Amino acid sequence: MNSQLACIRQNRNCMAVLVCPMMDFTPVSNGSARLLVRQGYEELAGVLVDAWEGRAEEWIEGGRVPHPVVALPDGGKAVVRRYRRGGMVRHLNRDRYFGGDRAADELRATEAARAGGVRAPEVIAAGRIDAFPGYRAMIATRLIPGVQDAAAALHGGRDKTEVLWEAGQQIARMHGAGVAHPDLNLRNLLVGEMWELWVIDFDRAQVVEGVVPRARRQRDLARLVRSFAKHGLPLNRVYRDALESGYLSERPDLE
């Protein structure tokens, strides 16, 4: 097993102690917040916590609510996503979680995907604040410029076969890296100006040793197919073939 991936999986309690230096993340405390910050960005901890608490000058639309954006020293930007509940439960519990560690788990899954060659966001920091009972969580990722979600790209006239082939390739890399995506839909695929495709939002993703089992791989792909129909983009045989061809071109052993 890849040594970096082994470190990620072993570090189940990484919000308290970082046991794997090759992960390139440093534990940082800022007030009541505990974060894992990518090395080189430790001085941003306070700015990230401020953004987490809603104190930011720039915001970007996305998901259920706008997300704060912070400037990075290298000229880039990071989006701070504060974990929030969905469905009916959000009316009773907006942002508190119990058990597990949502941000650390998403960091782990994202790093596993990136280690497998997937175009996935660069995580800048992941953190939690204990809020008895439970905790609140956030994750900050580098903003990817010049992209739009796949639904908008396809409705805007982008070639479906090209996008689907690229999507199949990236998903195959993800499954080959042992990462299963529970919410693989067109909103979580971003298309760049040069056709490059990114997979985002690894919240609740599962990381396994070796290749993702066949049944779970099929479930992820079926979720993506349903998303096309939901967005008024039903897949015909040609488009399904493009998705499958991209997938098998990357990992023919996953047929």
C-alpha atoms as a PDB file:
ATOM      1  CA  MET A   1       0.000   0.000   0.000  1.00  0.00           C
ATOM      2  CA  ASN A   2       1.219   3.467  -0.869  1.00  0.00           C
ATOM      3  CA  SER A   3       3.063   4.850   2.196  1.00  0.00           C
ATOM      4  CA  GLN A   4       1.365   8.242   2.052  1.00  0.00           C
ATOM      5  CA  LEU A   5      -2.053   6.628   1.807  1.00  0.00           C
ATOM      6  CA  ALA A   6      -1.177   4.340   4.713  1.00  0.00           C
ATOM      7  CA  CYS A   7      -0.391   7.389   6.815  1.00  0.00           C
ATOM      8  CA  ILE A   8      -3.688   9.023   5.926  1.00  0.00           C
ATOM      9  CA  ARG A   9      -5.681   5.960   6.897  1.00  0.00           C
ATOM     10  CA  GLN A  10      -3.823   5.370  10.149  1.00  0.00           C
ATOM     11  CA  ASN A  11      -4.395   8.958  11.302  1.00  0.00           C
ATOM     12  CA  ARG A  12      -8.021   8.550  12.425  1.00  0.00           C
ATOM     13  CA  ASN A  13      -7.569  11.038  15.290  1.00  0.00           C
ATOM     14  CA  CYS A  14      -5.558  13.611  13.381  1.00  0.00           C
ATOM     15  CA  MET A  15      -7.435  16.595  14.831  1.00  0.00           C
ATOM     16  CA  ALA A  16      -5.791  15.838  18.157  1.00  0.00           C
ATOM     17  CA  VAL A  17      -2.366  14.553  17.081  1.00  0.00           C
ATOM     18  CA  LEU A  18      -0.620  14.440  13.725  1.00  0.00           C
ATOM     19  CA  VAL A  19       1.220  11.097  13.579  1.00  0.00           C
ATOM     20  CA  CYS A  20       2.208  11.183   9.893  1.00  0.00           C
ATOM     21  CA  PRO A  21       4.677  13.938   8.953  1.00  0.00           C
ATOM     22  CA  MET A  22       4.515  13.019   5.253  1.00  0.00           C
ATOM     23  CA  MET A  23       0.892  14.168   5.179  1.00  0.00           C
ATOM     24  CA  ASP A  24       2.281  17.713   4.999  1.00  0.00           C
ATOM     25  CA  PHE A  25      -0.269  19.033   7.496  1.00  0.00           C
ATOM     26  CA  THR A  26       0.482  20.684  10.832  1.00  0.00           C
ATOM     27  CA  PRO A  27      -1.894  20.708  13.829  1.00  0.00           C
ATOM     28  CA  VAL A  28      -2.667  24.291  14.872  1.00  0.00           C
ATOM     29  CA  SER A  29      -4.874  25.598  17.680  1.00  0.00           C
ATOM     30  CA  ASN A  30      -6.549  28.988  17.397  1.00  0.00           C
ATOM     31  CA  GLY A  31      -8.781  29.829  20.307  1.00  0.00           C
ATOM     32  CA  SER A  32     -11.237  26.961  20.661  1.00  0.00           C
ATOM     33  CA  ALA A  33     -10.606  25.792  17.087  1.00  0.00           C
ATOM     34  CA  ARG A  34      -8.294  22.902  16.255  1.00  0.00           C
ATOM     35  CA  LEU A  35      -7.070  22.696  12.694  1.00  0.00           C
ATOM     36  CA  LEU A  36      -4.852  20.703  10.410  1.00  0.00           C
ATOM     37  CA  VAL A  37      -3.145  23.259   8.164  1.00  0.00           C
ATOM     38  CA  ARG A  38      -1.103  22.426   5.087  1.00  0.00           C
ATOM     39  CA  GLN A  39       2.544  23.191   5.755  1.00  0.00           C
ATOM     40  CA  GLY A  40       3.432  26.669   4.562  1.00  0.00           C
ATOM     41  CA  TYR A  41       0.011  28.076   5.431  1.00  0.00           C
ATOM     42  CA  GLU A  42       0.134  27.902   9.235  1.00  0.00           C
ATOM     43  CA  GLU A  43       0.050  31.694   9.602  1.00  0.00           C
ATOM     44  CA  LEU A  44      -3.377  31.696   7.936  1.00  0.00           C
ATOM     45  CA  ALA A  45      -4.991  29.823  10.817  1.00  0.00           C
ATOM     46  CA  GLY A  46      -6.469  32.954  12.393  1.00  0.00           C
ATOM     47  CA  VAL A  47      -7.775  34.267   9.062  1.00  0.00           C
ATOM     48  CA  LEU A  48      -9.377  30.901   8.310  1.00  0.00           C
ATOM     49  CA  VAL A  49     -11.077  30.789  11.703  1.00  0.00           C
ATOM     50  CA  ASP A  50     -12.370  34.346  11.209  1.00  0.00           C
ATOM     51  CA  ALA A  51     -13.819  33.324   7.848  1.00  0.00           C
ATOM     52  CA  TRP A  52     -15.289  30.220   9.442  1.00  0.00           C
ATOM     53  CA  GLU A  53     -17.077  32.491  11.913  1.00  0.00           C
ATOM     54  CA  GLY A  54     -18.411  34.647   9.076  1.00  0.00           C
ATOM     55  CA  ARG A  55     -15.858  37.453   9.202  1.00  0.00           C
ATOM     56  CA  ALA A  56     -14.698  37.671   5.582  1.00  0.00           C
ATOM     57  CA  GLU A  57     -14.635  40.409   2.948  1.00  0.00           C
ATOM     58  CA  GLU A  58     -15.244  38.107  -0.020  1.00  0.00           C
ATOM     59  CA  TRP A  59     -17.915  35.446  -0.487  1.00  0.00           C
ATOM     60  CA  ILE A  60     -18.751  33.011  -3.254  1.00  0.00           C
ATOM     61  CA  GLU A  61     -22.027  31.283  -4.069  1.00  0.00           C
ATOM     62  CA  GLY A  62     -22.111  27.527  -3.757  1.00  0.00           C
ATOM     63  CA  GLY A  63     -24.331  24.837  -2.295  1.00  0.00           C
ATOM     64  CA  ARG A  64     -26.904  25.808   0.318  1.00  0.00           C
ATOM     65  CA  VAL A  65     -25.229  29.064   1.394  1.00  0.00           C
ATOM     66  CA  PRO A  66     -22.461  31.431   0.219  1.00  0.00           C
ATOM     67  CA  HIS A  67     -18.936  30.522   1.305  1.00  0.00           C
ATOM     68  CA  PRO A  68     -16.277  32.927   2.597  1.00  0.00           C
ATOM     69  CA  VAL A  69     -13.097  33.297   0.555  1.00  0.00           C
ATOM     70  CA  VAL A  70      -9.634  34.160   1.891  1.00  0.00           C
ATOM     71  CA  ALA A  71      -6.508  35.259   0.044  1.00  0.00           C
ATOM     72  CA  LEU A  72      -3.467  32.954   0.020  1.00  0.00           C
ATOM     73  CA  PRO A  73       0.128  34.217   0.213  1.00  0.00           C
ATOM     74  CA  ASP A  74       0.904  32.817  -3.237  1.00  0.00           C
ATOM     75  CA  GLY A  75      -1.785  34.943  -4.884  1.00  0.00           C
ATOM     76  CA  GLY A  76      -4.444  32.229  -4.979  1.00  0.00           C
ATOM     77  CA  LYS A  77      -7.626  32.021  -2.934  1.00  0.00           C
ATOM     78  CA  ALA A  78      -9.176  29.464  -0.616  1.00  0.00           C
ATOM     79  CA  VAL A  79     -12.861  28.750  -0.152  1.00  0.00           C
ATOM     80  CA  VAL A  80     -13.913  28.023   3.441  1.00  0.00           C
ATOM     81  CA  ARG A  81     -16.803  25.587   3.555  1.00  0.00           C
ATOM     82  CA  ARG A  82     -18.636  25.391   6.853  1.00  0.00           C
ATOM     83  CA  TYR A  83     -20.359  22.031   7.240  1.00  0.00           C
ATOM     84  CA  ARG A  84     -24.120  22.445   7.432  1.00  0.00           C
ATOM     85  CA  ARG A  85     -26.996  20.043   7.803  1.00  0.00           C
ATOM     86  CA  GLY A  86     -29.398  19.358   4.951  1.00  0.00           C
ATOM     87  CA  GLY A  87     -32.956  18.056   4.787  1.00  0.00           C
ATOM     88  CA  MET A  88     -35.526  18.592   7.500  1.00  0.00           C
ATOM     89  CA  VAL A  89     -32.987  18.195  10.279  1.00  0.00           C
ATOM     90  CA  ARG A  90     -31.456  21.564   9.353  1.00  0.00           C
ATOM     91  CA  HIS A  91     -34.435  23.299  10.974  1.00  0.00           C
ATOM     92  CA  LEU A  92     -33.467  21.800  14.337  1.00  0.00           C
ATOM     93  CA  ASN A  93     -29.711  21.452  13.982  1.00  0.00           C
ATOM     94  CA  ARG A  94     -27.966  23.750  11.535  1.00  0.00           C
ATOM     95  CA  ASP A  95     -24.304  22.852  11.876  1.00  0.00           C
ATOM     96  CA  ARG A  96     -23.605  20.496  14.779  1.00  0.00           C
ATOM     97  CA  TYR A  97     -22.311  16.958  14.261  1.00  0.00           C
ATOM     98  CA  PHE A  98     -21.954  13.980  16.568  1.00  0.00           C
ATOM     99  CA  GLY A  99     -19.376  11.226  16.274  1.00  0.00           C
ATOM    100  CA  GLY A 100     -16.667  10.815  13.689  1.00  0.00           C
ATOM    101  CA  ASP A 101     -14.760  13.800  12.351  1.00  0.00           C
ATOM    102  CA  ARG A 102     -16.294  15.151   9.147  1.00  0.00           C
ATOM    103  CA  ALA A 103     -13.493  17.523   8.185  1.00  0.00           C
ATOM    104  CA  ALA A 104     -10.647  15.106   8.956  1.00  0.00           C
ATOM    105  CA  ASP A 105     -12.421  12.352   7.030  1.00  0.00           C
ATOM    106  CA  GLU A 106     -12.910  14.580   3.989  1.00  0.00           C
ATOM    107  CA  LEU A 107      -9.271  15.657   4.166  1.00  0.00           C
ATOM    108  CA  ARG A 108      -8.239  12.004   4.261  1.00  0.00           C
ATOM    109  CA  ALA A 109     -10.412  11.059   1.275  1.00  0.00           C
ATOM    110  CA  THR A 110      -9.337  14.075  -0.775  1.00  0.00           C
ATOM    111  CA  GLU A 111      -5.660  13.384  -0.167  1.00  0.00           C
ATOM    112  CA  ALA A 112      -6.158   9.711  -1.070  1.00  0.00           C
ATOM    113  CA  ALA A 113      -7.813  10.724  -4.353  1.00  0.00           C
ATOM    114  CA  ARG A 114      -5.059  13.225  -5.159  1.00  0.00           C
ATOM    115  CA  ALA A 115      -2.410  10.618  -4.393  1.00  0.00           C
ATOM    116  CA  GLY A 116      -4.139   8.388  -6.970  1.00  0.00           C
ATOM    117  CA  GLY A 117      -3.871  11.045  -9.667  1.00  0.00           C
ATOM    118  CA  VAL A 118      -7.388  12.462  -9.424  1.00  0.00           C
ATOM    119  CA  ARG A 119      -7.890  16.159 -10.125  1.00  0.00           C
ATOM    120  CA  ALA A 120      -9.277  17.043  -6.717  1.00  0.00           C
ATOM    121  CA  PRO A 121      -9.078  20.301  -4.744  1.00  0.00           C
ATOM    122  CA  GLU A 122      -5.969  21.103  -2.738  1.00  0.00           C
ATOM    123  CA  VAL A 123      -7.007  21.166   0.903  1.00  0.00           C
ATOM    124  CA  ILE A 124      -5.491  24.112   2.756  1.00  0.00           C
ATOM    125  CA  ALA A 125      -6.945  23.305   6.190  1.00  0.00           C
ATOM    126  CA  ALA A 126      -9.565  21.241   7.979  1.00  0.00           C
ATOM    127  CA  GLY A 127     -10.831  22.017  11.455  1.00  0.00           C
ATOM    128  CA  ARG A 128     -13.324  21.544  14.233  1.00  0.00           C
ATOM    129  CA  ILE A 129     -14.644  23.388  17.263  1.00  0.00           C
ATOM    130  CA  ASP A 130     -16.109  21.319  20.058  1.00  0.00           C
ATOM    131  CA  ALA A 131     -19.680  22.444  20.788  1.00  0.00           C
ATOM    132  CA  PHE A 132     -21.105  20.276  23.545  1.00  0.00           C
ATOM    133  CA  PRO A 133     -22.782  18.105  22.653  1.00  0.00           C
ATOM    134  CA  GLY A 134     -20.984  17.484  19.365  1.00  0.00           C
ATOM    135  CA  TYR A 135     -18.806  19.753  17.262  1.00  0.00           C
ATOM    136  CA  ARG A 136     -18.817  22.168  14.319  1.00  0.00           C
ATOM    137  CA  ALA A 137     -16.505  21.643  11.353  1.00  0.00           C
ATOM    138  CA  MET A 138     -15.000  23.380   8.331  1.00  0.00           C
ATOM    139  CA  ILE A 139     -12.677  22.642   5.426  1.00  0.00           C
ATOM    140  CA  ALA A 140     -10.771  25.157   3.302  1.00  0.00           C
ATOM    141  CA  THR A 141      -9.752  24.280  -0.256  1.00  0.00           C
ATOM    142  CA  ARG A 142      -7.912  26.193  -2.933  1.00  0.00           C
ATOM    143  CA  LEU A 143     -10.306  27.956  -5.297  1.00  0.00           C
ATOM    144  CA  ILE A 144     -10.058  26.462  -8.785  1.00  0.00           C
ATOM    145  CA  PRO A 145     -10.228  29.357 -11.284  1.00  0.00           C
ATOM    146  CA  GLY A 146     -11.956  29.270 -14.642  1.00  0.00           C
ATOM    147  CA  VAL A 147     -14.272  26.327 -14.006  1.00  0.00           C
ATOM    148  CA  GLN A 148     -18.014  25.697 -13.993  1.00  0.00           C
ATOM    149  CA  ASP A 149     -19.958  22.700 -12.815  1.00  0.00           C
ATOM    150  CA  ALA A 150     -20.598  20.021 -15.409  1.00  0.00           C
ATOM    151  CA  ALA A 151     -24.357  20.683 -15.521  1.00  0.00           C
ATOM    152  CA  ALA A 152     -23.794  24.311 -16.510  1.00  0.00           C
ATOM    153  CA  ALA A 153     -21.009  23.381 -18.931  1.00  0.00           C
ATOM    154  CA  LEU A 154     -23.157  20.827 -20.749  1.00  0.00           C
ATOM    155  CA  HIS A 155     -26.199  23.087 -20.906  1.00  0.00           C
ATOM    156  CA  GLY A 156     -23.849  25.747 -22.243  1.00  0.00           C
ATOM    157  CA  GLY A 157     -22.973  23.649 -25.260  1.00  0.00           C
ATOM    158  CA  ARG A 158     -19.841  21.774 -24.204  1.00  0.00           C
ATOM    159  CA  ASP A 159     -19.358  18.513 -26.082  1.00  0.00           C
ATOM    160  CA  LYS A 160     -21.004  15.824 -23.943  1.00  0.00           C
ATOM    161  CA  THR A 161     -18.797  12.997 -25.208  1.00  0.00           C
ATOM    162  CA  GLU A 162     -15.624  14.916 -24.324  1.00  0.00           C
ATOM    163  CA  VAL A 163     -16.858  15.775 -20.830  1.00  0.00           C
ATOM    164  CA  LEU A 164     -18.129  12.243 -20.199  1.00  0.00           C
ATOM    165  CA  TRP A 165     -14.902  10.634 -21.378  1.00  0.00           C
ATOM    166  CA  GLU A 166     -12.897  12.868 -19.063  1.00  0.00           C
ATOM    167  CA  ALA A 167     -15.339  12.193 -16.217  1.00  0.00           C
ATOM    168  CA  GLY A 168     -14.963   8.459 -16.716  1.00  0.00           C
ATOM    169  CA  GLN A 169     -11.177   8.754 -16.581  1.00  0.00           C
ATOM    170  CA  GLN A 170     -11.151  10.744 -13.345  1.00  0.00           C
ATOM    171  CA  ILE A 171     -13.708   8.460 -11.678  1.00  0.00           C
ATOM    172  CA  ALA A 172     -11.648   5.401 -12.616  1.00  0.00           C
ATOM    173  CA  ARG A 173      -8.582   6.956 -10.997  1.00  0.00           C
ATOM    174  CA  MET A 174     -10.643   7.694  -7.909  1.00  0.00           C
ATOM    175  CA  HIS A 175     -11.936   4.115  -7.641  1.00  0.00           C
ATOM    176  CA  GLY A 176      -8.475   2.744  -8.324  1.00  0.00           C
ATOM    177  CA  ALA A 177      -7.178   4.854  -5.422  1.00  0.00           C
ATOM    178  CA  GLY A 178      -9.729   3.213  -3.120  1.00  0.00           C
ATOM    179  CA  VAL A 179     -12.062   6.222  -2.841  1.00  0.00           C
ATOM    180  CA  ALA A 180     -15.847   5.886  -3.235  1.00  0.00           C
ATOM    181  CA  HIS A 181     -17.806   9.133  -3.720  1.00  0.00           C
ATOM    182  CA  PRO A 182     -21.310   9.077  -2.149  1.00  0.00           C
ATOM    183  CA  ASP A 183     -22.548  12.148  -4.017  1.00  0.00           C
ATOM    184  CA  LEU A 184     -21.126  11.790  -7.516  1.00  0.00           C
ATOM    185  CA  ASN A 185     -23.277  14.221  -9.490  1.00  0.00           C
ATOM    186  CA  LEU A 186     -22.865  16.925 -12.113  1.00  0.00           C
ATOM    187  CA  ARG A 187     -22.584  19.666  -9.490  1.00  0.00           C
ATOM    188  CA  ASN A 188     -19.559  17.925  -8.000  1.00  0.00           C
ATOM    189  CA  LEU A 189     -17.744  17.703 -11.335  1.00  0.00           C
ATOM    190  CA  LEU A 190     -16.088  20.922 -12.498  1.00  0.00           C
ATOM    191  CA  VAL A 191     -15.072  21.537 -16.102  1.00  0.00           C
ATOM    192  CA  GLY A 192     -12.190  23.840 -16.964  1.00  0.00           C
ATOM    193  CA  GLU A 193     -11.571  25.955 -20.032  1.00  0.00           C
ATOM    194  CA  MET A 194      -9.233  23.331 -21.520  1.00  0.00           C
ATOM    195  CA  TRP A 195     -11.658  20.439 -20.926  1.00  0.00           C
ATOM    196  CA  GLU A 196      -9.916  19.341 -17.752  1.00  0.00           C
ATOM    197  CA  LEU A 197     -12.359  17.889 -15.234  1.00  0.00           C
ATOM    198  CA  TRP A 198     -12.162  18.080 -11.445  1.00  0.00           C
ATOM    199  CA  VAL A 199     -13.923  15.953  -8.822  1.00  0.00           C
ATOM    200  CA  ILE A 200     -14.892  17.878  -5.690  1.00  0.00           C
ATOM    201  CA  ASP A 201     -16.724  17.507  -2.357  1.00  0.00           C
ATOM    202  CA  PHE A 202     -15.412  14.314  -0.763  1.00  0.00           C
ATOM    203  CA  ASP A 203     -17.579  14.768   2.324  1.00  0.00           C
ATOM    204  CA  ARG A 204     -18.665  11.308   3.568  1.00  0.00           C
ATOM    205  CA  ALA A 205     -16.463   9.599   0.959  1.00  0.00           C
ATOM    206  CA  GLN A 206     -15.260   6.126   1.878  1.00  0.00           C
ATOM    207  CA  VAL A 207     -11.595   5.134   1.644  1.00  0.00           C
ATOM    208  CA  VAL A 208     -10.740   1.447   1.361  1.00  0.00           C
ATOM    209  CA  GLU A 209      -7.501  -0.439   0.916  1.00  0.00           C
ATOM    210  CA  GLY A 210      -7.032  -1.396  -2.703  1.00  0.00           C
ATOM    211  CA  VAL A 211      -9.661  -0.844  -5.379  1.00  0.00           C
ATOM    212  CA  VAL A 212     -13.241   0.159  -4.510  1.00  0.00           C
ATOM    213  CA  PRO A 213     -15.438  -2.993  -4.640  1.00  0.00           C
ATOM    214  CA  ARG A 214     -17.409  -3.512  -7.847  1.00  0.00           C
ATOM    215  CA  ALA A 215     -20.867  -3.043  -6.291  1.00  0.00           C
ATOM    216  CA  ARG A 216     -19.861   0.296  -4.818  1.00  0.00           C
ATOM    217  CA  ARG A 217     -18.250   1.434  -8.076  1.00  0.00           C
ATOM    218  CA  GLN A 218     -21.505   0.704  -9.893  1.00  0.00           C
ATOM    219  CA  ARG A 219     -23.459   2.622  -7.257  1.00  0.00           C
ATOM    220  CA  ASP A 220     -21.290   5.714  -7.762  1.00  0.00           C
ATOM    221  CA  LEU A 221     -21.716   5.570 -11.548  1.00  0.00           C
ATOM    222  CA  ALA A 222     -25.482   5.003 -11.260  1.00  0.00           C
ATOM    223  CA  ARG A 223     -25.666   8.116  -9.060  1.00  0.00           C
ATOM    224  CA  LEU A 224     -23.958  10.119 -11.802  1.00  0.00           C
ATOM    225  CA  VAL A 225     -26.323   8.799 -14.478  1.00  0.00           C
ATOM    226  CA  ARG A 226     -29.350   9.817 -12.370  1.00  0.00           C
ATOM    227  CA  SER A 227     -27.857  13.277 -12.031  1.00  0.00           C
ATOM    228  CA  PHE A 228     -27.849  13.714 -15.812  1.00  0.00           C
ATOM    229  CA  ALA A 229     -31.573  12.978 -15.918  1.00  0.00           C
ATOM    230  CA  LYS A 230     -32.234  15.307 -12.980  1.00  0.00           C
ATOM    231  CA  HIS A 231     -30.573  18.176 -14.840  1.00  0.00           C
ATOM    232  CA  GLY A 232     -32.466  17.520 -18.073  1.00  0.00           C
ATOM    233  CA  LEU A 233     -29.518  15.830 -19.768  1.00  0.00           C
ATOM    234  CA  PRO A 234     -30.607  12.229 -20.344  1.00  0.00           C
ATOM    235  CA  LEU A 235     -27.836   9.913 -21.503  1.00  0.00           C
ATOM    236  CA  ASN A 236     -28.220   8.064 -24.784  1.00  0.00           C
ATOM    237  CA  ARG A 237     -26.088   5.079 -25.750  1.00  0.00           C
ATOM    238  CA  VAL A 238     -23.398   7.257 -27.349  1.00  0.00           C
ATOM    239  CA  TYR A 239     -22.930   9.278 -24.182  1.00  0.00           C
ATOM    240  CA  ARG A 240     -22.953   6.216 -21.940  1.00  0.00           C
ATOM    241  CA  ASP A 241     -20.299   4.679 -24.183  1.00  0.00           C
ATOM    242  CA  ALA A 242     -18.168   7.816 -23.814  1.00  0.00           C
ATOM    243  CA  LEU A 243     -18.365   7.584 -20.010  1.00  0.00           C
ATOM    244  CA  GLU A 244     -17.514   3.889 -20.060  1.00  0.00           C
ATOM    245  CA  SER A 245     -14.690   4.353 -22.581  1.00  0.00           C
ATOM    246  CA  GLY A 246     -13.044   7.024 -20.459  1.00  0.00           C
ATOM    247  CA  TYR A 247     -13.383   4.836 -17.396  1.00  0.00           C
ATOM    248  CA  LEU A 248     -11.885   1.737 -19.017  1.00  0.00           C
ATOM    249  CA  SER A 249      -9.183   3.674 -20.857  1.00  0.00           C
ATOM    250  CA  GLU A 250      -7.777   4.548 -17.439  1.00  0.00           C
ATOM    251  CA  ARG A 251      -8.464   1.260 -15.647  1.00  0.00           C
ATOM    252  CA  PRO A 252      -9.318  -1.589 -18.040  1.00  0.00           C
ATOM    253  CA  ASP A 253      -9.034  -3.953 -15.053  1.00  0.00           C
ATOM    254  CA  LEU A 254     -12.156  -2.377 -13.511  1.00  0.00           C
ATOM    255  CA  GLU A 255     -14.518  -3.615 -16.215  1.00  0.00           C
END
